[in-house]
């Protein structure tokens, strides 16, 4: 295994079989995640994505804890809410459920990432003050305990999101991150943006948002369904789907090569896998490369991971192209 491939793909997939459209039963999803964590490609998998409403149900599967190779790493996502008041109440309820799980499974559960959809009304009317209050509510709560998530990714509600709205929200997150850094808040690292790739946004939208987040130093987390290793067409939704390699490479090269929007779109839409080059000391798309240390740093801090409902699908594509 080349070191460059290992750094690019390590911990890049969060298993999200509980999310639509799959919505697998918790028992089945946990069983399959346990198999993934003990499989040959367990180094590619990272967290088990679970809605906060199902956190209490984990107690029913206490007898299955020994099936996992190490602690159960959770990425918890909250519901869609309309108002700031509902959002704050949701955050408090999630805190209680997370602490309850930790007390039931001491040392055997980790919850280092939380995904929350911003209040619908605050986004639709773009109330910057309410968005700041929503983010601050999460930070304040998370700082109460080292057991609570120390990284939070905020999702913009709705499917048809305008580029300028996304940029404004990135700016709000970036300003608040600087405030957190100045205040030296314990038990909290940063807030980021979650981008849903199902249904797939346009390549232009994804490229512009990725580059704006890059320039604002805001981390990105992705999510999607039926995502393969390279671009494909999803006949279930009758839409094209970005590839796992394309998303990761575009995100990393955007930093190392200061890509333009047009170049980022080219990487995202690249279907010829031979244009992606993997060597022991670097990865590249055509003549644009990223060295090992930058791959490692950017994967940790900037292009974190992607929620996938199917763990095996992109791996099959990578094996066919002898990347794995």
C-alpha atoms as a PDB file:
ATOM      1  CA  UNK A   1       0.000   0.000   0.000  1.00  0.00           C
ATOM      2  CA  UNK A   2       1.426   3.352  -1.040  1.00  0.00           C
ATOM      3  CA  UNK A   3       1.745   5.850   1.805  1.00  0.00           C
ATOM      4  CA  UNK A   4       0.036   8.524  -0.285  1.00  0.00           C
ATOM      5  CA  UNK A   5      -3.079   6.372  -0.790  1.00  0.00           C
ATOM      6  CA  UNK A   6      -3.125   5.491   2.889  1.00  0.00           C
ATOM      7  CA  UNK A   7      -3.033   9.171   3.918  1.00  0.00           C
ATOM      8  CA  UNK A   8      -5.642  10.161   1.347  1.00  0.00           C
ATOM      9  CA  UNK A   9      -8.177   7.508   2.329  1.00  0.00           C
ATOM     10  CA  UNK A  10      -7.538   6.913   6.040  1.00  0.00           C
ATOM     11  CA  UNK A  11     -10.692   7.488   8.133  1.00  0.00           C
ATOM     12  CA  UNK A  12     -12.382   9.117   5.146  1.00  0.00           C
ATOM     13  CA  UNK A  13     -15.736   7.277   5.249  1.00  0.00           C
ATOM     14  CA  UNK A  14     -18.295   7.667   8.032  1.00  0.00           C
ATOM     15  CA  UNK A  15     -20.819   4.838   7.758  1.00  0.00           C
ATOM     16  CA  UNK A  16     -24.302   6.350   7.453  1.00  0.00           C
ATOM     17  CA  UNK A  17     -26.656   3.454   6.706  1.00  0.00           C
ATOM     18  CA  UNK A  18     -29.224   4.853   9.158  1.00  0.00           C
ATOM     19  CA  UNK A  19     -29.770   7.895   6.965  1.00  0.00           C
ATOM     20  CA  UNK A  20     -32.202   8.145   4.034  1.00  0.00           C
ATOM     21  CA  UNK A  21     -32.710   6.632   1.597  1.00  0.00           C
ATOM     22  CA  UNK A  22     -31.289   3.423   3.119  1.00  0.00           C
ATOM     23  CA  UNK A  23     -32.534   3.844   6.711  1.00  0.00           C
ATOM     24  CA  UNK A  24     -31.337   0.410   7.801  1.00  0.00           C
ATOM     25  CA  UNK A  25     -32.482  -0.949  11.188  1.00  0.00           C
ATOM     26  CA  UNK A  26     -30.044   0.008  13.948  1.00  0.00           C
ATOM     27  CA  UNK A  27     -29.302  -3.651  14.710  1.00  0.00           C
ATOM     28  CA  UNK A  28     -28.330  -4.394  11.093  1.00  0.00           C
ATOM     29  CA  UNK A  29     -26.323  -1.183  10.669  1.00  0.00           C
ATOM     30  CA  UNK A  30     -24.323  -1.822  13.849  1.00  0.00           C
ATOM     31  CA  UNK A  31     -23.658  -5.404  12.798  1.00  0.00           C
ATOM     32  CA  UNK A  32     -22.341  -4.316   9.412  1.00  0.00           C
ATOM     33  CA  UNK A  33     -20.262  -1.512  10.927  1.00  0.00           C
ATOM     34  CA  UNK A  34     -18.708  -4.061  13.283  1.00  0.00           C
ATOM     35  CA  UNK A  35     -17.779  -6.177  10.253  1.00  0.00           C
ATOM     36  CA  UNK A  36     -16.269  -3.123   8.572  1.00  0.00           C
ATOM     37  CA  UNK A  37     -14.120  -2.306  11.611  1.00  0.00           C
ATOM     38  CA  UNK A  38     -12.653  -5.808  11.530  1.00  0.00           C
ATOM     39  CA  UNK A  39     -12.260  -6.040   7.757  1.00  0.00           C
ATOM     40  CA  UNK A  40      -9.204  -5.547   5.562  1.00  0.00           C
ATOM     41  CA  UNK A  41     -10.160  -1.962   4.780  1.00  0.00           C
ATOM     42  CA  UNK A  42     -11.096  -0.868   8.302  1.00  0.00           C
ATOM     43  CA  UNK A  43      -8.491   1.901   8.066  1.00  0.00           C
ATOM     44  CA  UNK A  44     -10.723   3.660   5.520  1.00  0.00           C
ATOM     45  CA  UNK A  45     -13.760   3.672   7.805  1.00  0.00           C
ATOM     46  CA  UNK A  46     -14.098   6.146  10.620  1.00  0.00           C
ATOM     47  CA  UNK A  47     -17.340   6.804  12.525  1.00  0.00           C
ATOM     48  CA  UNK A  48     -20.798   5.329  12.851  1.00  0.00           C
ATOM     49  CA  UNK A  49     -23.322   8.017  11.901  1.00  0.00           C
ATOM     50  CA  UNK A  50     -26.434   7.976  14.075  1.00  0.00           C
ATOM     51  CA  UNK A  51     -29.384  10.354  14.586  1.00  0.00           C
ATOM     52  CA  UNK A  52     -29.578  11.712  18.097  1.00  0.00           C
ATOM     53  CA  UNK A  53     -33.119  10.278  18.391  1.00  0.00           C
ATOM     54  CA  UNK A  54     -31.636   6.769  18.248  1.00  0.00           C
ATOM     55  CA  UNK A  55     -28.849   7.302  20.760  1.00  0.00           C
ATOM     56  CA  UNK A  56     -30.908   5.875  23.669  1.00  0.00           C
ATOM     57  CA  UNK A  57     -31.467   2.715  21.593  1.00  0.00           C
ATOM     58  CA  UNK A  58     -27.744   1.927  21.758  1.00  0.00           C
ATOM     59  CA  UNK A  59     -28.295   0.616  25.285  1.00  0.00           C
ATOM     60  CA  UNK A  60     -30.242  -2.304  23.848  1.00  0.00           C
ATOM     61  CA  UNK A  61     -27.127  -3.479  22.068  1.00  0.00           C
ATOM     62  CA  UNK A  62     -24.764  -3.471  25.022  1.00  0.00           C
ATOM     63  CA  UNK A  63     -24.069  -7.178  24.461  1.00  0.00           C
ATOM     64  CA  UNK A  64     -22.592  -6.362  21.038  1.00  0.00           C
ATOM     65  CA  UNK A  65     -19.867  -4.030  22.253  1.00  0.00           C
ATOM     66  CA  UNK A  66     -17.269  -6.784  22.078  1.00  0.00           C
ATOM     67  CA  UNK A  67     -17.829  -7.074  18.317  1.00  0.00           C
ATOM     68  CA  UNK A  68     -16.027  -3.799  17.673  1.00  0.00           C
ATOM     69  CA  UNK A  69     -12.281  -3.502  17.385  1.00  0.00           C
ATOM     70  CA  UNK A  70     -11.893  -0.604  19.799  1.00  0.00           C
ATOM     71  CA  UNK A  71     -14.373   2.044  20.977  1.00  0.00           C
ATOM     72  CA  UNK A  72     -17.554   2.762  19.039  1.00  0.00           C
ATOM     73  CA  UNK A  73     -16.825   6.056  17.300  1.00  0.00           C
ATOM     74  CA  UNK A  74     -20.003   8.063  16.778  1.00  0.00           C
ATOM     75  CA  UNK A  75     -20.909  10.955  14.516  1.00  0.00           C
ATOM     76  CA  UNK A  76     -24.259  12.243  15.756  1.00  0.00           C
ATOM     77  CA  UNK A  77     -26.639  14.277  13.606  1.00  0.00           C
ATOM     78  CA  UNK A  78     -29.566  16.337  14.773  1.00  0.00           C
ATOM     79  CA  UNK A  79     -32.993  16.988  13.246  1.00  0.00           C
ATOM     80  CA  UNK A  80     -34.116  19.822  10.997  1.00  0.00           C
ATOM     81  CA  UNK A  81     -35.644  22.618  13.103  1.00  0.00           C
ATOM     82  CA  UNK A  82     -37.294  25.898  12.196  1.00  0.00           C
ATOM     83  CA  UNK A  83     -36.365  28.364  14.922  1.00  0.00           C
ATOM     84  CA  UNK A  84     -33.378  29.305  17.034  1.00  0.00           C
ATOM     85  CA  UNK A  85     -35.350  28.351  20.162  1.00  0.00           C
ATOM     86  CA  UNK A  86     -35.964  24.830  18.820  1.00  0.00           C
ATOM     87  CA  UNK A  87     -32.305  24.583  17.826  1.00  0.00           C
ATOM     88  CA  UNK A  88     -31.076  25.452  21.332  1.00  0.00           C
ATOM     89  CA  UNK A  89     -33.456  22.943  22.933  1.00  0.00           C
ATOM     90  CA  UNK A  90     -32.240  20.272  20.530  1.00  0.00           C
ATOM     91  CA  UNK A  91     -28.613  20.954  21.453  1.00  0.00           C
ATOM     92  CA  UNK A  92     -29.409  20.553  25.167  1.00  0.00           C
ATOM     93  CA  UNK A  93     -31.256  17.281  24.532  1.00  0.00           C
ATOM     94  CA  UNK A  94     -28.373  15.924  22.464  1.00  0.00           C
ATOM     95  CA  UNK A  95     -25.964  16.793  25.285  1.00  0.00           C
ATOM     96  CA  UNK A  96     -28.039  14.795  27.779  1.00  0.00           C
ATOM     97  CA  UNK A  97     -28.270  11.770  25.473  1.00  0.00           C
ATOM     98  CA  UNK A  98     -24.543  11.783  24.723  1.00  0.00           C
ATOM     99  CA  UNK A  99     -23.588  11.932  28.412  1.00  0.00           C
ATOM    100  CA  UNK A 100     -26.079   9.145  29.103  1.00  0.00           C
ATOM    101  CA  UNK A 101     -24.436   6.913  26.510  1.00  0.00           C
ATOM    102  CA  UNK A 102     -21.002   7.598  27.978  1.00  0.00           C
ATOM    103  CA  UNK A 103     -22.221   6.678  31.450  1.00  0.00           C
ATOM    104  CA  UNK A 104     -23.672   3.418  30.083  1.00  0.00           C
ATOM    105  CA  UNK A 105     -20.518   2.536  28.126  1.00  0.00           C
ATOM    106  CA  UNK A 106     -17.635   4.171  30.026  1.00  0.00           C
ATOM    107  CA  UNK A 107     -14.541   4.329  27.856  1.00  0.00           C
ATOM    108  CA  UNK A 108     -16.202   2.349  25.062  1.00  0.00           C
ATOM    109  CA  UNK A 109     -17.919   5.150  23.123  1.00  0.00           C
ATOM    110  CA  UNK A 110     -16.445   8.259  21.517  1.00  0.00           C
ATOM    111  CA  UNK A 111     -18.492  11.137  20.144  1.00  0.00           C
ATOM    112  CA  UNK A 112     -16.099  13.610  18.575  1.00  0.00           C
ATOM    113  CA  UNK A 113     -18.281  14.947  15.745  1.00  0.00           C
ATOM    114  CA  UNK A 114     -21.746  16.485  15.763  1.00  0.00           C
ATOM    115  CA  UNK A 115     -23.712  17.467  12.659  1.00  0.00           C
ATOM    116  CA  UNK A 116     -26.458  20.039  12.994  1.00  0.00           C
ATOM    117  CA  UNK A 117     -28.746  21.677  10.459  1.00  0.00           C
ATOM    118  CA  UNK A 118     -28.963  25.419  11.060  1.00  0.00           C
ATOM    119  CA  UNK A 119     -32.426  26.827  11.945  1.00  0.00           C
ATOM    120  CA  UNK A 120     -34.483  27.088   8.763  1.00  0.00           C
ATOM    121  CA  UNK A 121     -35.968  30.504   9.538  1.00  0.00           C
ATOM    122  CA  UNK A 122     -32.579  31.978  10.435  1.00  0.00           C
ATOM    123  CA  UNK A 123     -31.131  30.839   7.100  1.00  0.00           C
ATOM    124  CA  UNK A 124     -34.103  31.744   4.890  1.00  0.00           C
ATOM    125  CA  UNK A 125     -34.175  35.290   6.249  1.00  0.00           C
ATOM    126  CA  UNK A 126     -30.410  35.262   6.756  1.00  0.00           C
ATOM    127  CA  UNK A 127     -30.377  36.493  10.327  1.00  0.00           C
ATOM    128  CA  UNK A 128     -26.650  36.569  10.995  1.00  0.00           C
ATOM    129  CA  UNK A 129     -27.125  37.335  14.686  1.00  0.00           C
ATOM    130  CA  UNK A 130     -29.317  34.242  15.116  1.00  0.00           C
ATOM    131  CA  UNK A 131     -26.818  32.067  13.261  1.00  0.00           C
ATOM    132  CA  UNK A 132     -24.054  33.269  15.560  1.00  0.00           C
ATOM    133  CA  UNK A 133     -26.235  32.505  18.592  1.00  0.00           C
ATOM    134  CA  UNK A 134     -26.951  29.023  17.236  1.00  0.00           C
ATOM    135  CA  UNK A 135     -23.247  28.267  16.775  1.00  0.00           C
ATOM    136  CA  UNK A 136     -22.389  29.767  20.146  1.00  0.00           C
ATOM    137  CA  UNK A 137     -25.028  27.595  21.847  1.00  0.00           C
ATOM    138  CA  UNK A 138     -23.296  24.498  20.506  1.00  0.00           C
ATOM    139  CA  UNK A 139     -19.812  25.685  21.465  1.00  0.00           C
ATOM    140  CA  UNK A 140     -20.905  26.621  24.982  1.00  0.00           C
ATOM    141  CA  UNK A 141     -22.554  23.247  25.481  1.00  0.00           C
ATOM    142  CA  UNK A 142     -19.654  21.223  24.037  1.00  0.00           C
ATOM    143  CA  UNK A 143     -17.143  23.049  26.212  1.00  0.00           C
ATOM    144  CA  UNK A 144     -18.873  21.703  29.328  1.00  0.00           C
ATOM    145  CA  UNK A 145     -17.276  18.271  29.016  1.00  0.00           C
ATOM    146  CA  UNK A 146     -14.457  16.548  27.148  1.00  0.00           C
ATOM    147  CA  UNK A 147     -16.935  13.730  26.445  1.00  0.00           C
ATOM    148  CA  UNK A 148     -19.010  15.972  24.176  1.00  0.00           C
ATOM    149  CA  UNK A 149     -18.207  16.504  20.473  1.00  0.00           C
ATOM    150  CA  UNK A 150     -15.285  18.862  19.943  1.00  0.00           C
ATOM    151  CA  UNK A 151     -15.953  19.357  16.234  1.00  0.00           C
ATOM    152  CA  UNK A 152     -19.320  20.467  14.859  1.00  0.00           C
ATOM    153  CA  UNK A 153     -20.340  20.665  11.207  1.00  0.00           C
ATOM    154  CA  UNK A 154     -23.293  22.841  10.287  1.00  0.00           C
ATOM    155  CA  UNK A 155     -25.522  22.002   7.349  1.00  0.00           C
ATOM    156  CA  UNK A 156     -27.572  24.503   5.374  1.00  0.00           C
ATOM    157  CA  UNK A 157     -31.231  23.402   5.209  1.00  0.00           C
ATOM    158  CA  UNK A 158     -32.836  22.719   1.827  1.00  0.00           C
ATOM    159  CA  UNK A 159     -31.727  21.179  -1.465  1.00  0.00           C
ATOM    160  CA  UNK A 160     -31.601  24.234  -3.734  1.00  0.00           C
ATOM    161  CA  UNK A 161     -29.040  26.347  -1.874  1.00  0.00           C
ATOM    162  CA  UNK A 162     -27.777  29.571  -3.402  1.00  0.00           C
ATOM    163  CA  UNK A 163     -24.016  30.007  -3.637  1.00  0.00           C
ATOM    164  CA  UNK A 164     -24.107  33.436  -2.009  1.00  0.00           C
ATOM    165  CA  UNK A 165     -26.093  32.111   0.962  1.00  0.00           C
ATOM    166  CA  UNK A 166     -23.543  29.331   1.439  1.00  0.00           C
ATOM    167  CA  UNK A 167     -20.707  31.867   1.321  1.00  0.00           C
ATOM    168  CA  UNK A 168     -22.384  34.084   3.909  1.00  0.00           C
ATOM    169  CA  UNK A 169     -22.779  31.139   6.285  1.00  0.00           C
ATOM    170  CA  UNK A 170     -19.151  30.113   5.759  1.00  0.00           C
ATOM    171  CA  UNK A 171     -18.150  33.662   6.699  1.00  0.00           C
ATOM    172  CA  UNK A 172     -20.247  33.487   9.888  1.00  0.00           C
ATOM    173  CA  UNK A 173     -18.588  30.180  10.828  1.00  0.00           C
ATOM    174  CA  UNK A 174     -15.119  31.550  10.063  1.00  0.00           C
ATOM    175  CA  UNK A 175     -15.591  34.658  12.204  1.00  0.00           C
ATOM    176  CA  UNK A 176     -16.921  32.569  15.077  1.00  0.00           C
ATOM    177  CA  UNK A 177     -13.995  30.129  14.808  1.00  0.00           C
ATOM    178  CA  UNK A 178     -11.608  33.056  15.246  1.00  0.00           C
ATOM    179  CA  UNK A 179     -13.555  34.104  18.329  1.00  0.00           C
ATOM    180  CA  UNK A 180     -13.268  30.594  19.776  1.00  0.00           C
ATOM    181  CA  UNK A 181      -9.527  30.620  19.139  1.00  0.00           C
ATOM    182  CA  UNK A 182      -9.095  33.963  20.887  1.00  0.00           C
ATOM    183  CA  UNK A 183     -11.139  32.865  23.882  1.00  0.00           C
ATOM    184  CA  UNK A 184      -9.158  29.605  24.180  1.00  0.00           C
ATOM    185  CA  UNK A 185     -12.265  27.547  24.897  1.00  0.00           C
ATOM    186  CA  UNK A 186     -11.553  24.118  26.371  1.00  0.00           C
ATOM    187  CA  UNK A 187     -12.836  20.894  24.784  1.00  0.00           C
ATOM    188  CA  UNK A 188     -13.629  22.501  21.428  1.00  0.00           C
ATOM    189  CA  UNK A 189     -11.607  22.601  18.224  1.00  0.00           C
ATOM    190  CA  UNK A 190     -13.648  24.191  15.455  1.00  0.00           C
ATOM    191  CA  UNK A 191     -16.903  24.469  13.556  1.00  0.00           C
ATOM    192  CA  UNK A 192     -17.140  23.485   9.899  1.00  0.00           C
ATOM    193  CA  UNK A 193     -19.568  23.212   7.003  1.00  0.00           C
ATOM    194  CA  UNK A 194     -21.318  20.016   5.932  1.00  0.00           C
ATOM    195  CA  UNK A 195     -22.151  19.722   2.232  1.00  0.00           C
ATOM    196  CA  UNK A 196     -24.776  17.246   1.101  1.00  0.00           C
ATOM    197  CA  UNK A 197     -23.898  15.768  -2.297  1.00  0.00           C
ATOM    198  CA  UNK A 198     -27.221  13.923  -2.701  1.00  0.00           C
ATOM    199  CA  UNK A 199     -28.991  15.266  -4.643  1.00  0.00           C
ATOM    200  CA  UNK A 200     -25.807  16.411  -6.293  1.00  0.00           C
ATOM    201  CA  UNK A 201     -25.243  20.164  -6.454  1.00  0.00           C
ATOM    202  CA  UNK A 202     -23.748  21.569  -9.625  1.00  0.00           C
ATOM    203  CA  UNK A 203     -20.002  21.252 -10.022  1.00  0.00           C
ATOM    204  CA  UNK A 204     -19.810  25.047 -10.061  1.00  0.00           C
ATOM    205  CA  UNK A 205     -21.641  25.286  -6.718  1.00  0.00           C
ATOM    206  CA  UNK A 206     -19.414  22.676  -5.093  1.00  0.00           C
ATOM    207  CA  UNK A 207     -16.228  24.242  -6.486  1.00  0.00           C
ATOM    208  CA  UNK A 208     -17.138  27.791  -5.432  1.00  0.00           C
ATOM    209  CA  UNK A 209     -18.156  26.706  -1.930  1.00  0.00           C
ATOM    210  CA  UNK A 210     -15.049  24.561  -1.463  1.00  0.00           C
ATOM    211  CA  UNK A 211     -12.751  27.412  -2.504  1.00  0.00           C
ATOM    212  CA  UNK A 212     -14.579  29.976  -0.390  1.00  0.00           C
ATOM    213  CA  UNK A 213     -14.274  27.645   2.610  1.00  0.00           C
ATOM    214  CA  UNK A 214     -10.584  27.199   1.796  1.00  0.00           C
ATOM    215  CA  UNK A 215      -9.987  30.945   1.782  1.00  0.00           C
ATOM    216  CA  UNK A 216     -11.967  31.349   5.020  1.00  0.00           C
ATOM    217  CA  UNK A 217     -10.105  28.429   6.652  1.00  0.00           C
ATOM    218  CA  UNK A 218     -13.341  26.548   7.343  1.00  0.00           C
ATOM    219  CA  UNK A 219     -13.274  22.732   7.366  1.00  0.00           C
ATOM    220  CA  UNK A 220     -15.673  20.756   5.173  1.00  0.00           C
ATOM    221  CA  UNK A 221     -17.433  17.453   5.689  1.00  0.00           C
ATOM    222  CA  UNK A 222     -19.383  15.796   2.886  1.00  0.00           C
ATOM    223  CA  UNK A 223     -22.333  13.413   2.708  1.00  0.00           C
ATOM    224  CA  UNK A 224     -23.886  11.387  -0.084  1.00  0.00           C
ATOM    225  CA  UNK A 225     -25.643   8.278  -1.355  1.00  0.00           C
ATOM    226  CA  UNK A 226     -24.498   5.861  -4.095  1.00  0.00           C
ATOM    227  CA  UNK A 227     -21.127   7.587  -4.323  1.00  0.00           C
ATOM    228  CA  UNK A 228     -18.582   5.527  -6.244  1.00  0.00           C
ATOM    229  CA  UNK A 229     -14.831   5.999  -6.515  1.00  0.00           C
ATOM    230  CA  UNK A 230     -15.181   8.217  -9.609  1.00  0.00           C
ATOM    231  CA  UNK A 231     -18.107  10.147 -11.155  1.00  0.00           C
ATOM    232  CA  UNK A 232     -21.112   8.026 -12.057  1.00  0.00           C
ATOM    233  CA  UNK A 233     -24.824   8.263 -12.776  1.00  0.00           C
ATOM    234  CA  UNK A 234     -27.392   7.343 -10.147  1.00  0.00           C
ATOM    235  CA  UNK A 235     -30.451   5.866 -11.846  1.00  0.00           C
ATOM    236  CA  UNK A 236     -32.390   5.909  -8.569  1.00  0.00           C
ATOM    237  CA  UNK A 237     -32.349   9.697  -8.453  1.00  0.00           C
ATOM    238  CA  UNK A 238     -31.743  10.215 -12.174  1.00  0.00           C
ATOM    239  CA  UNK A 239     -28.741  12.412 -11.454  1.00  0.00           C
ATOM    240  CA  UNK A 240     -24.984  12.378 -11.725  1.00  0.00           C
ATOM    241  CA  UNK A 241     -22.875  11.663  -8.663  1.00  0.00           C
ATOM    242  CA  UNK A 242     -19.431  12.993  -7.771  1.00  0.00           C
ATOM    243  CA  UNK A 243     -16.693  10.438  -7.068  1.00  0.00           C
ATOM    244  CA  UNK A 244     -14.989   9.895  -3.715  1.00  0.00           C
ATOM    245  CA  UNK A 245     -11.508  10.351  -5.205  1.00  0.00           C
ATOM    246  CA  UNK A 246     -12.614  13.477  -7.084  1.00  0.00           C
ATOM    247  CA  UNK A 247     -14.011  15.121  -3.942  1.00  0.00           C
ATOM    248  CA  UNK A 248     -10.947  14.362  -1.816  1.00  0.00           C
ATOM    249  CA  UNK A 249      -8.436  15.309  -4.507  1.00  0.00           C
ATOM    250  CA  UNK A 250     -10.244  18.530  -5.425  1.00  0.00           C
ATOM    251  CA  UNK A 251     -10.333  19.550  -1.787  1.00  0.00           C
ATOM    252  CA  UNK A 252      -6.650  18.860  -1.169  1.00  0.00           C
ATOM    253  CA  UNK A 253      -5.334  20.312  -4.447  1.00  0.00           C
ATOM    254  CA  UNK A 254      -7.444  23.414  -3.890  1.00  0.00           C
ATOM    255  CA  UNK A 255      -5.083  24.160  -0.985  1.00  0.00           C
ATOM    256  CA  UNK A 256      -1.755  22.875  -2.279  1.00  0.00           C
ATOM    257  CA  UNK A 257      -2.114  24.249  -5.820  1.00  0.00           C
ATOM    258  CA  UNK A 258      -4.395  27.219  -5.144  1.00  0.00           C
ATOM    259  CA  UNK A 259      -6.879  25.934  -7.706  1.00  0.00           C
ATOM    260  CA  UNK A 260      -9.261  28.239  -9.523  1.00  0.00           C
ATOM    261  CA  UNK A 261     -12.986  27.498  -9.740  1.00  0.00           C
ATOM    262  CA  UNK A 262     -12.527  26.219 -13.307  1.00  0.00           C
ATOM    263  CA  UNK A 263      -9.675  23.876 -12.287  1.00  0.00           C
ATOM    264  CA  UNK A 264     -11.642  22.596  -9.299  1.00  0.00           C
ATOM    265  CA  UNK A 265     -14.597  21.805 -11.559  1.00  0.00           C
ATOM    266  CA  UNK A 266     -12.266  19.865 -13.859  1.00  0.00           C
ATOM    267  CA  UNK A 267     -11.018  17.735 -10.961  1.00  0.00           C
ATOM    268  CA  UNK A 268     -14.562  17.122  -9.687  1.00  0.00           C
ATOM    269  CA  UNK A 269     -15.765  16.037 -13.141  1.00  0.00           C
ATOM    270  CA  UNK A 270     -12.680  14.033 -14.139  1.00  0.00           C
ATOM    271  CA  UNK A 271     -13.784  10.551 -15.266  1.00  0.00           C
ATOM    272  CA  UNK A 272     -10.430   9.321 -16.541  1.00  0.00           C
ATOM    273  CA  UNK A 273      -8.893   7.601 -13.508  1.00  0.00           C
ATOM    274  CA  UNK A 274      -5.468   7.503 -15.211  1.00  0.00           C
ATOM    275  CA  UNK A 275      -5.242  11.271 -14.751  1.00  0.00           C
ATOM    276  CA  UNK A 276      -5.066  10.678 -10.997  1.00  0.00           C
ATOM    277  CA  UNK A 277      -1.530   9.688 -10.059  1.00  0.00           C
ATOM    278  CA  UNK A 278      -0.524   7.931  -6.843  1.00  0.00           C
ATOM    279  CA  UNK A 279       3.151   7.697  -5.925  1.00  0.00           C
ATOM    280  CA  UNK A 280       4.876   6.845  -2.669  1.00  0.00           C
ATOM    281  CA  UNK A 281       5.646  10.475  -1.898  1.00  0.00           C
ATOM    282  CA  UNK A 282       2.714  12.344  -3.412  1.00  0.00           C
ATOM    283  CA  UNK A 283      -0.660  12.294  -5.142  1.00  0.00           C
ATOM    284  CA  UNK A 284      -1.457  14.264  -8.288  1.00  0.00           C
ATOM    285  CA  UNK A 285      -4.087  15.130 -10.841  1.00  0.00           C
ATOM    286  CA  UNK A 286      -2.353  15.571 -14.181  1.00  0.00           C
ATOM    287  CA  UNK A 287       0.640  17.804 -13.372  1.00  0.00           C
ATOM    288  CA  UNK A 288      -0.717  19.214 -10.079  1.00  0.00           C
ATOM    289  CA  UNK A 289       0.554  17.413  -6.967  1.00  0.00           C
ATOM    290  CA  UNK A 290       0.267  17.318  -3.187  1.00  0.00           C
ATOM    291  CA  UNK A 291       3.057  15.916  -0.954  1.00  0.00           C
ATOM    292  CA  UNK A 292       2.519  13.543   1.974  1.00  0.00           C
ATOM    293  CA  UNK A 293       2.697  16.031   4.836  1.00  0.00           C
ATOM    294  CA  UNK A 294       0.140  18.326   3.249  1.00  0.00           C
ATOM    295  CA  UNK A 295      -2.210  15.417   2.509  1.00  0.00           C
ATOM    296  CA  UNK A 296      -2.062  14.377   6.159  1.00  0.00           C
ATOM    297  CA  UNK A 297      -2.595  17.888   7.502  1.00  0.00           C
ATOM    298  CA  UNK A 298      -5.438  18.770   5.135  1.00  0.00           C
ATOM    299  CA  UNK A 299      -7.297  15.517   5.746  1.00  0.00           C
ATOM    300  CA  UNK A 300      -7.201  16.172   9.498  1.00  0.00           C
ATOM    301  CA  UNK A 301      -8.110  19.848   9.477  1.00  0.00           C
ATOM    302  CA  UNK A 302      -9.780  20.802   6.212  1.00  0.00           C
ATOM    303  CA  UNK A 303     -11.209  17.952   4.106  1.00  0.00           C
ATOM    304  CA  UNK A 304     -12.259  15.697   6.934  1.00  0.00           C
ATOM    305  CA  UNK A 305     -14.556  12.860   5.813  1.00  0.00           C
ATOM    306  CA  UNK A 306     -17.702  11.902   3.936  1.00  0.00           C
ATOM    307  CA  UNK A 307     -20.878  10.221   5.175  1.00  0.00           C
ATOM    308  CA  UNK A 308     -21.736   7.287   2.909  1.00  0.00           C
ATOM    309  CA  UNK A 309     -24.728   4.977   3.090  1.00  0.00           C
ATOM    310  CA  UNK A 310     -22.753   2.282   1.251  1.00  0.00           C
ATOM    311  CA  UNK A 311     -19.211   1.561   2.428  1.00  0.00           C
ATOM    312  CA  UNK A 312     -18.374  -1.081  -0.185  1.00  0.00           C
ATOM    313  CA  UNK A 313     -19.434   0.742  -3.375  1.00  0.00           C
ATOM    314  CA  UNK A 314     -16.476   3.151  -3.699  1.00  0.00           C
ATOM    315  CA  UNK A 315     -14.049   0.440  -2.570  1.00  0.00           C
ATOM    316  CA  UNK A 316     -15.136  -1.818  -5.423  1.00  0.00           C
ATOM    317  CA  UNK A 317     -14.319   0.938  -7.898  1.00  0.00           C
ATOM    318  CA  UNK A 318     -10.923   1.537  -6.323  1.00  0.00           C
ATOM    319  CA  UNK A 319     -10.097  -2.173  -6.493  1.00  0.00           C
ATOM    320  CA  UNK A 320     -11.085  -2.362 -10.175  1.00  0.00           C
ATOM    321  CA  UNK A 321      -8.596   0.409 -10.925  1.00  0.00           C
ATOM    322  CA  UNK A 322      -5.915  -1.242  -8.752  1.00  0.00           C
ATOM    323  CA  UNK A 323      -5.793   1.740  -6.397  1.00  0.00           C
ATOM    324  CA  UNK A 324      -6.546  -0.618  -3.495  1.00  0.00           C
END
